[in-house]
Amino acid sequence: MTVSGQDVDRVAELANLELTASEKTAMVRDLNALLDHFAQLNELDTSDVPATSQIADARQPEQGAARLREDEVAPSLDRELVLSCAPDTDHVFFKVPKVIER
């Protein structure tokens, strides 16, 4: 798998970035170098390497692992009180200035 200039253009568009031609060329080169490195890592034999611990292990009490606390319903903040501290609201939501132009 390799990264093309079109791939970089698409990701830059999604990230709302403007890349110069030299930045685009460098990005294609760097991303392909990363993918080559990952391909080398995938060739390593890790069958004798023990797995690291995972948070999912803590959620399985049948294996004797620690349990996470149970979810508890709690009252939320009072909407009127919170909105009273905001500079601009519509009495339901905060109003904020538009920051992204598309």
N, C-alpha and C. Protein backbone atom coordinates (compact mmCIF):
# COMPACT_ATOMS: atom_id res chain seq x y z
N MET A 1 0.84 -1.18 0.00
CA MET A 1 0.00 0.00 0.00
C MET A 1 0.89 1.23 0.00
N THR A 2 0.56 2.18 -0.84
CA THR A 2 1.30 3.44 -0.89
C THR A 2 0.32 4.61 -0.87
N VAL A 3 0.84 5.73 -0.45
CA VAL A 3 0.05 6.96 -0.39
C VAL A 3 0.35 7.77 -1.64
N SER A 4 -0.68 8.26 -2.29
CA SER A 4 -0.50 9.08 -3.50
C SER A 4 -0.72 10.55 -3.16
N GLY A 5 -0.41 11.39 -4.12
CA GLY A 5 -0.67 12.82 -3.95
C GLY A 5 -2.15 13.10 -3.77
N GLN A 6 -3.00 12.31 -4.45
CA GLN A 6 -4.44 12.47 -4.31
C GLN A 6 -4.89 12.13 -2.89
N ASP A 7 -4.26 11.11 -2.28
CA ASP A 7 -4.60 10.76 -0.90
C ASP A 7 -4.27 11.91 0.04
N VAL A 8 -3.10 12.51 -0.17
CA VAL A 8 -2.69 13.64 0.68
C VAL A 8 -3.63 14.82 0.45
N ASP A 9 -4.01 15.07 -0.79
CA ASP A 9 -4.96 16.16 -1.06
C ASP A 9 -6.27 15.95 -0.32
N ARG A 10 -6.77 14.72 -0.34
CA ARG A 10 -8.06 14.42 0.32
C ARG A 10 -7.96 14.60 1.83
N VAL A 11 -6.90 14.09 2.43
CA VAL A 11 -6.73 14.24 3.88
C VAL A 11 -6.55 15.71 4.24
N ALA A 12 -5.79 16.44 3.45
CA ALA A 12 -5.60 17.87 3.70
C ALA A 12 -6.94 18.61 3.62
N GLU A 13 -7.76 18.21 2.66
CA GLU A 13 -9.09 18.82 2.55
C GLU A 13 -9.94 18.52 3.78
N LEU A 14 -9.93 17.27 4.21
CA LEU A 14 -10.71 16.90 5.39
C LEU A 14 -10.22 17.61 6.65
N ALA A 15 -8.91 17.84 6.73
CA ALA A 15 -8.33 18.51 7.89
C ALA A 15 -8.32 20.03 7.73
N ASN A 16 -8.86 20.50 6.61
CA ASN A 16 -8.90 21.94 6.33
C ASN A 16 -7.50 22.55 6.34
N LEU A 17 -6.56 21.85 5.67
CA LEU A 17 -5.18 22.31 5.57
C LEU A 17 -4.88 22.75 4.15
N GLU A 18 -4.07 23.76 4.02
CA GLU A 18 -3.58 24.17 2.70
C GLU A 18 -2.11 23.84 2.64
N LEU A 19 -1.74 22.89 1.78
CA LEU A 19 -0.35 22.46 1.66
C LEU A 19 0.26 23.04 0.39
N THR A 20 1.50 23.48 0.50
CA THR A 20 2.23 23.91 -0.69
C THR A 20 2.66 22.67 -1.45
N ALA A 21 3.14 22.85 -2.66
CA ALA A 21 3.59 21.71 -3.46
C ALA A 21 4.73 20.97 -2.76
N SER A 22 5.65 21.71 -2.15
CA SER A 22 6.77 21.06 -1.47
C SER A 22 6.31 20.33 -0.20
N GLU A 23 5.33 20.90 0.51
CA GLU A 23 4.78 20.23 1.69
C GLU A 23 4.05 18.95 1.30
N LYS A 24 3.33 19.01 0.18
CA LYS A 24 2.60 17.84 -0.30
C LYS A 24 3.59 16.74 -0.68
N THR A 25 4.66 17.10 -1.39
CA THR A 25 5.68 16.12 -1.77
C THR A 25 6.31 15.49 -0.54
N ALA A 26 6.63 16.32 0.46
CA ALA A 26 7.24 15.81 1.70
C ALA A 26 6.26 14.91 2.45
N MET A 27 5.00 15.26 2.44
CA MET A 27 3.99 14.46 3.14
C MET A 27 3.84 13.09 2.49
N VAL A 28 3.81 13.04 1.16
CA VAL A 28 3.73 11.76 0.45
C VAL A 28 4.95 10.91 0.79
N ARG A 29 6.14 11.51 0.75
CA ARG A 29 7.38 10.79 1.07
C ARG A 29 7.36 10.26 2.51
N ASP A 30 6.99 11.13 3.46
CA ASP A 30 7.00 10.73 4.88
C ASP A 30 5.97 9.66 5.19
N LEU A 31 4.77 9.80 4.63
CA LEU A 31 3.72 8.79 4.89
C LEU A 31 4.09 7.44 4.29
N ASN A 32 4.69 7.45 3.10
CA ASN A 32 5.12 6.19 2.50
C ASN A 32 6.27 5.57 3.29
N ALA A 33 7.15 6.39 3.84
CA ALA A 33 8.23 5.86 4.69
C ALA A 33 7.64 5.20 5.94
N LEU A 34 6.61 5.82 6.52
CA LEU A 34 5.95 5.21 7.68
C LEU A 34 5.30 3.87 7.33
N LEU A 35 4.61 3.84 6.20
CA LEU A 35 3.98 2.59 5.79
C LEU A 35 5.02 1.50 5.52
N ASP A 36 6.17 1.87 4.95
CA ASP A 36 7.25 0.90 4.74
C ASP A 36 7.76 0.38 6.08
N HIS A 37 7.88 1.26 7.05
CA HIS A 37 8.34 0.85 8.38
C HIS A 37 7.33 -0.11 9.02
N PHE A 38 6.05 0.21 8.92
CA PHE A 38 5.01 -0.68 9.47
C PHE A 38 5.03 -2.04 8.78
N ALA A 39 5.29 -2.04 7.48
CA ALA A 39 5.37 -3.31 6.75
C ALA A 39 6.53 -4.16 7.28
N GLN A 40 7.66 -3.51 7.59
CA GLN A 40 8.80 -4.23 8.17
C GLN A 40 8.42 -4.79 9.55
N LEU A 41 7.71 -4.00 10.35
CA LEU A 41 7.31 -4.47 11.67
C LEU A 41 6.35 -5.66 11.56
N ASN A 42 5.49 -5.65 10.56
CA ASN A 42 4.55 -6.76 10.37
C ASN A 42 5.25 -8.06 10.01
N GLU A 43 6.47 -7.98 9.51
CA GLU A 43 7.22 -9.19 9.16
C GLU A 43 7.85 -9.86 10.38
N LEU A 44 7.90 -9.16 11.50
CA LEU A 44 8.51 -9.72 12.71
C LEU A 44 7.67 -10.85 13.27
N ASP A 45 8.35 -11.87 13.79
CA ASP A 45 7.67 -12.98 14.45
C ASP A 45 7.44 -12.60 15.92
N THR A 46 6.22 -12.39 16.29
CA THR A 46 5.89 -11.99 17.66
C THR A 46 5.15 -13.10 18.41
N SER A 47 5.22 -14.31 17.89
CA SER A 47 4.48 -15.41 18.51
C SER A 47 4.96 -15.72 19.92
N ASP A 48 6.23 -15.42 20.24
CA ASP A 48 6.75 -15.69 21.58
C ASP A 48 6.67 -14.48 22.51
N VAL A 49 6.10 -13.38 22.04
CA VAL A 49 6.00 -12.17 22.85
C VAL A 49 4.68 -12.20 23.60
N PRO A 50 4.73 -12.11 24.94
CA PRO A 50 3.47 -12.15 25.70
C PRO A 50 2.64 -10.90 25.44
N ALA A 51 1.34 -11.09 25.46
CA ALA A 51 0.43 -9.97 25.25
C ALA A 51 0.52 -8.99 26.41
N THR A 52 0.30 -7.72 26.11
CA THR A 52 0.28 -6.72 27.17
C THR A 52 -1.10 -6.72 27.81
N SER A 53 -1.20 -6.14 28.99
CA SER A 53 -2.51 -6.10 29.64
C SER A 53 -3.40 -5.09 28.94
N GLN A 54 -4.68 -5.34 28.98
CA GLN A 54 -5.66 -4.49 28.34
C GLN A 54 -6.72 -4.08 29.35
N ILE A 55 -7.31 -2.93 29.17
CA ILE A 55 -8.37 -2.48 30.06
C ILE A 55 -9.56 -3.41 29.97
N ALA A 56 -9.73 -4.07 28.83
CA ALA A 56 -10.86 -4.99 28.68
C ALA A 56 -10.76 -6.13 29.71
N ASP A 57 -9.54 -6.46 30.14
CA ASP A 57 -9.37 -7.51 31.15
C ASP A 57 -10.04 -7.12 32.47
N ALA A 58 -10.06 -5.84 32.78
CA ALA A 58 -10.64 -5.37 34.04
C ALA A 58 -12.15 -5.48 34.03
N ARG A 59 -12.74 -5.65 32.87
CA ARG A 59 -14.20 -5.69 32.77
C ARG A 59 -14.74 -7.11 32.81
N GLN A 60 -13.89 -8.10 33.03
CA GLN A 60 -14.33 -9.48 33.03
C GLN A 60 -14.13 -10.10 34.41
N PRO A 61 -15.11 -9.91 35.31
CA PRO A 61 -14.94 -10.38 36.69
C PRO A 61 -14.84 -11.89 36.80
N GLU A 62 -15.32 -12.63 35.78
CA GLU A 62 -15.25 -14.08 35.88
C GLU A 62 -13.80 -14.56 35.84
N GLN A 63 -12.88 -13.71 35.42
CA GLN A 63 -11.47 -14.08 35.39
C GLN A 63 -10.74 -13.58 36.63
N GLY A 64 -11.48 -13.05 37.59
CA GLY A 64 -10.87 -12.58 38.83
C GLY A 64 -10.23 -11.21 38.73
N ALA A 65 -10.43 -10.52 37.64
CA ALA A 65 -9.85 -9.19 37.47
C ALA A 65 -10.69 -8.16 38.23
N ALA A 66 -10.09 -7.00 38.46
CA ALA A 66 -10.79 -5.93 39.16
C ALA A 66 -11.97 -5.44 38.32
N ARG A 67 -13.04 -5.06 38.96
CA ARG A 67 -14.22 -4.56 38.26
C ARG A 67 -14.20 -3.04 38.22
N LEU A 68 -14.75 -2.51 37.17
CA LEU A 68 -14.96 -1.07 37.10
C LEU A 68 -16.21 -0.74 37.89
N ARG A 69 -16.32 0.48 38.36
CA ARG A 69 -17.49 0.84 39.14
C ARG A 69 -18.73 0.83 38.28
N GLU A 70 -19.87 0.64 38.88
CA GLU A 70 -21.15 0.65 38.18
C GLU A 70 -21.52 2.09 37.84
N ASP A 71 -22.24 2.26 36.75
CA ASP A 71 -22.75 3.57 36.40
C ASP A 71 -23.85 3.95 37.38
N GLU A 72 -23.87 5.23 37.74
CA GLU A 72 -24.90 5.73 38.64
C GLU A 72 -25.57 6.94 38.02
N VAL A 73 -26.89 6.98 38.11
CA VAL A 73 -27.63 8.14 37.62
C VAL A 73 -27.46 9.25 38.64
N ALA A 74 -27.10 10.44 38.16
CA ALA A 74 -26.91 11.59 39.04
C ALA A 74 -27.55 12.80 38.38
N PRO A 75 -27.99 13.76 39.17
CA PRO A 75 -28.60 14.95 38.57
C PRO A 75 -27.56 15.75 37.79
N SER A 76 -28.01 16.34 36.69
CA SER A 76 -27.10 17.17 35.90
C SER A 76 -27.19 18.61 36.36
N LEU A 77 -26.40 19.46 35.74
CA LEU A 77 -26.41 20.87 36.10
C LEU A 77 -27.74 21.50 35.70
N ASP A 78 -28.14 22.51 36.43
CA ASP A 78 -29.38 23.24 36.13
C ASP A 78 -29.15 24.08 34.88
N ARG A 79 -29.97 23.85 33.86
CA ARG A 79 -29.80 24.52 32.58
C ARG A 79 -29.88 26.04 32.72
N GLU A 80 -30.86 26.54 33.43
CA GLU A 80 -31.02 27.99 33.56
C GLU A 80 -29.82 28.62 34.24
N LEU A 81 -29.31 27.96 35.27
CA LEU A 81 -28.14 28.49 35.98
C LEU A 81 -26.92 28.53 35.06
N VAL A 82 -26.69 27.45 34.33
CA VAL A 82 -25.53 27.39 33.44
C VAL A 82 -25.66 28.41 32.31
N LEU A 83 -26.84 28.48 31.70
CA LEU A 83 -27.03 29.43 30.59
C LEU A 83 -26.98 30.88 31.06
N SER A 84 -27.28 31.12 32.33
CA SER A 84 -27.21 32.49 32.83
C SER A 84 -25.78 33.01 32.86
N CYS A 85 -24.81 32.13 32.84
CA CYS A 85 -23.38 32.52 32.84
C CYS A 85 -22.85 32.72 31.43
N ALA A 86 -23.60 32.34 30.42
CA ALA A 86 -23.12 32.41 29.04
C ALA A 86 -23.32 33.80 28.48
N PRO A 87 -22.42 34.25 27.60
CA PRO A 87 -22.58 35.58 27.00
C PRO A 87 -23.75 35.64 26.02
N ASP A 88 -24.12 34.52 25.37
CA ASP A 88 -25.22 34.54 24.41
C ASP A 88 -25.86 33.16 24.34
N THR A 89 -27.18 33.10 24.46
CA THR A 89 -27.91 31.84 24.39
C THR A 89 -29.24 32.06 23.67
N ASP A 90 -29.91 30.96 23.35
CA ASP A 90 -31.28 31.06 22.87
C ASP A 90 -32.22 30.46 23.92
N HIS A 91 -31.75 30.38 25.14
CA HIS A 91 -32.45 29.84 26.31
C HIS A 91 -32.55 28.32 26.29
N VAL A 92 -31.93 27.69 25.29
CA VAL A 92 -31.84 26.23 25.23
C VAL A 92 -30.39 25.81 25.04
N PHE A 93 -29.67 26.52 24.14
CA PHE A 93 -28.29 26.19 23.81
C PHE A 93 -27.42 27.42 23.95
N PHE A 94 -26.09 27.20 24.03
CA PHE A 94 -25.13 28.29 23.94
C PHE A 94 -25.07 28.73 22.49
N LYS A 95 -24.92 30.03 22.26
CA LYS A 95 -24.69 30.54 20.92
C LYS A 95 -23.22 30.93 20.84
N VAL A 96 -22.57 30.45 19.80
CA VAL A 96 -21.14 30.74 19.61
C VAL A 96 -20.93 31.26 18.20
N PRO A 97 -19.89 32.07 17.99
CA PRO A 97 -19.65 32.59 16.65
C PRO A 97 -19.17 31.47 15.71
N LYS A 98 -19.52 31.62 14.45
CA LYS A 98 -19.09 30.66 13.43
C LYS A 98 -17.57 30.82 13.24
N VAL A 99 -16.86 29.70 13.25
CA VAL A 99 -15.41 29.79 13.13
C VAL A 99 -14.88 29.07 11.89
N ILE A 100 -15.71 28.29 11.22
CA ILE A 100 -15.28 27.58 10.02
C ILE A 100 -16.12 28.03 8.85
N GLU A 101 -15.45 28.50 7.83
CA GLU A 101 -16.13 28.92 6.61
C GLU A 101 -16.00 27.83 5.57
N ARG A 102 -17.09 27.39 5.01
CA ARG A 102 -17.05 26.38 3.93
C ARG A 102 -18.05 26.75 2.89
